[in-house]
Amino acid sequence: MERTLVLLKPEALKRGICGEIIARFERRGFKIVGMKMLRMDREMAREHYKVHEGKPFFEGLIEHITSGPIIAMVLEGPSAVRVVRDMMGATDPLNSPPGTIRGDYGLHIGENIIHGSDSLETAEREIKLFFRDDELL
């Protein structure tokens, strides 16, 4: 079994679509082994997005993710990283087909509604950033 991190970003909370997104993962068969609502500060956001530091969109990522509360979840299931990424669709919702989360709910790339780890190594690092071991069931 794999574990992956999923973040429902401020846009998802503002629009009230978190329940629908979480339900998709549950219907697919994923087990939620950790979940919490929090507000990321700039320091945590910079650590989370450090792979994008220096890129032109970096500051926009930081501004968006710190603009309101988020929901952080750890999902567990077979091939969790790949399956969650497939369910999310392309980063740009205009390139995401209907049936994917971004294709169905995303409006524009600048206010992306969801994040999912892109590899097992990234998932391990990101999960540790958001959850202590005793917060995962």
Protein backbone atom coordinates (compact mmCIF):
# COMPACT_ATOMS: atom_id res chain seq x y z
CA MET A 1 0.00 0.00 0.00
CA GLU A 2 1.15 3.49 -0.82
CA ARG A 3 0.43 6.75 0.92
CA THR A 4 0.20 10.15 -0.70
CA LEU A 5 -0.50 13.70 0.42
CA VAL A 6 -3.46 15.64 -0.95
CA LEU A 7 -4.09 19.30 -0.24
CA LEU A 8 -7.44 20.92 -0.89
CA LYS A 9 -6.39 24.51 -1.45
CA PRO A 10 -8.13 27.73 -0.35
CA GLU A 11 -10.12 27.95 -3.60
CA ALA A 12 -11.74 24.55 -2.91
CA LEU A 13 -12.75 25.65 0.59
CA LYS A 14 -14.07 29.03 -0.60
CA ARG A 15 -16.24 27.31 -3.20
CA GLY A 16 -17.54 24.63 -0.83
CA ILE A 17 -16.52 21.65 -2.97
CA CYS A 18 -14.28 19.79 -0.49
CA GLY A 19 -16.90 17.18 0.40
CA GLU A 20 -17.42 16.31 -3.26
CA ILE A 21 -13.68 15.94 -3.84
CA ILE A 22 -13.13 13.85 -0.71
CA ALA A 23 -16.07 11.63 -1.68
CA ARG A 24 -14.42 10.89 -5.04
CA PHE A 25 -11.34 9.54 -3.28
CA GLU A 26 -13.44 7.47 -0.88
CA ARG A 27 -15.57 6.03 -3.69
CA ARG A 28 -12.38 5.08 -5.52
CA GLY A 29 -11.42 3.01 -2.48
CA PHE A 30 -8.80 5.15 -0.78
CA LYS A 31 -8.56 5.10 2.98
CA ILE A 32 -8.12 8.48 4.69
CA VAL A 33 -5.41 7.86 7.29
CA GLY A 34 -4.95 11.51 8.25
CA MET A 35 -6.87 14.73 7.74
CA LYS A 36 -6.78 18.23 9.18
CA MET A 37 -7.69 21.79 8.35
CA LEU A 38 -4.97 24.38 8.77
CA ARG A 39 -3.69 27.67 7.54
CA MET A 40 -0.18 27.49 6.07
CA ASP A 41 2.21 30.28 6.94
CA ARG A 42 4.71 31.56 4.39
CA GLU A 43 7.58 29.56 5.89
CA MET A 44 5.70 26.25 5.60
CA ALA A 45 4.53 27.17 2.09
CA ARG A 46 8.10 27.92 0.99
CA GLU A 47 9.24 24.55 2.34
CA HIS A 48 6.35 22.76 0.63
CA TYR A 49 7.03 24.42 -2.75
CA LYS A 50 10.84 24.59 -2.49
CA VAL A 51 11.27 22.62 -5.73
CA HIS A 52 9.72 25.60 -7.55
CA GLU A 53 11.83 28.28 -5.89
CA GLY A 54 13.27 30.69 -8.46
CA LYS A 55 10.56 29.97 -11.03
CA PRO A 56 8.39 32.88 -12.17
CA PHE A 57 5.22 31.42 -10.61
CA PHE A 58 6.77 30.65 -7.19
CA GLU A 59 5.51 33.75 -5.37
CA GLY A 60 2.02 33.22 -6.81
CA LEU A 61 1.98 29.68 -5.39
CA ILE A 62 2.95 31.03 -1.97
CA GLU A 63 0.34 33.80 -2.09
CA HIS A 64 -2.45 31.42 -3.08
CA ILE A 65 -1.74 28.59 -0.63
CA THR A 66 -1.47 31.06 2.29
CA SER A 67 -4.59 33.06 1.32
CA GLY A 68 -6.97 30.92 3.39
CA PRO A 69 -7.41 27.59 5.13
CA ILE A 70 -6.56 24.29 3.45
CA ILE A 71 -7.38 20.66 4.13
CA ALA A 72 -4.42 18.28 4.24
CA MET A 73 -5.10 14.57 3.83
CA VAL A 74 -3.04 11.42 3.66
CA LEU A 75 -4.66 8.82 1.44
CA GLU A 76 -3.67 5.16 1.43
CA GLY A 77 -4.27 2.59 -1.28
CA PRO A 78 -2.71 0.65 -4.15
CA SER A 79 -0.61 2.89 -6.43
CA ALA A 80 -1.93 5.89 -4.48
CA VAL A 81 0.46 8.46 -5.98
CA ARG A 82 -0.29 7.59 -9.60
CA VAL A 83 -4.03 7.03 -9.17
CA VAL A 84 -4.54 10.27 -7.23
CA ARG A 85 -2.56 12.22 -9.86
CA ASP A 86 -4.70 10.67 -12.61
CA MET A 87 -7.89 11.53 -10.72
CA MET A 88 -6.74 15.14 -10.29
CA GLY A 89 -5.97 15.75 -13.96
CA ALA A 90 -3.48 18.19 -15.46
CA THR A 91 -2.32 21.18 -13.41
CA ASP A 92 -4.00 23.55 -15.87
CA PRO A 93 -7.74 22.83 -15.67
CA LEU A 94 -8.09 23.86 -19.32
CA ASN A 95 -5.98 20.80 -20.18
CA SER A 96 -7.85 18.45 -17.83
CA PRO A 97 -10.58 16.30 -19.31
CA PRO A 98 -14.06 16.13 -17.80
CA GLY A 99 -14.20 13.45 -15.14
CA THR A 100 -11.00 14.61 -13.46
CA ILE A 101 -11.15 16.82 -10.38
CA ARG A 102 -9.47 19.76 -12.08
CA GLY A 103 -11.43 19.19 -15.27
CA ASP A 104 -14.74 19.26 -13.40
CA TYR A 105 -14.02 21.92 -10.76
CA GLY A 106 -10.91 23.90 -11.77
CA LEU A 107 -11.40 27.39 -13.18
CA HIS A 108 -7.86 28.59 -13.88
CA ILE A 109 -4.30 27.56 -13.15
CA GLY A 110 -3.53 30.51 -10.86
CA GLU A 111 -5.99 29.33 -8.21
CA ASN A 112 -5.52 25.60 -8.44
CA ILE A 113 -7.94 23.71 -6.15
CA ILE A 114 -5.87 20.62 -5.32
CA HIS A 115 -2.35 19.33 -4.84
CA GLY A 116 -1.15 15.73 -4.84
CA SER A 117 2.35 14.37 -4.34
CA ASP A 118 4.11 13.60 -7.62
CA SER A 119 6.24 10.65 -6.45
CA LEU A 120 6.66 8.30 -3.51
CA GLU A 121 9.72 10.26 -2.38
CA THR A 122 7.83 13.55 -2.54
CA ALA A 123 4.86 12.01 -0.72
CA GLU A 124 7.10 10.88 2.13
CA ARG A 125 8.64 14.36 2.48
CA GLU A 126 5.30 16.17 2.20
CA ILE A 127 3.49 13.88 4.65
CA LYS A 128 6.20 14.56 7.25
CA LEU A 129 5.81 18.30 6.67
CA PHE A 130 2.07 18.23 7.42
CA PHE A 131 1.62 15.31 9.84
CA ARG A 132 3.36 13.87 12.87
CA ASP A 133 3.50 10.07 13.00
CA ASP A 134 0.93 9.97 15.82
CA GLU A 135 -1.58 11.87 13.65
CA LEU A 136 -1.74 9.07 11.08
CA LEU A 137 -4.01 6.10 11.74
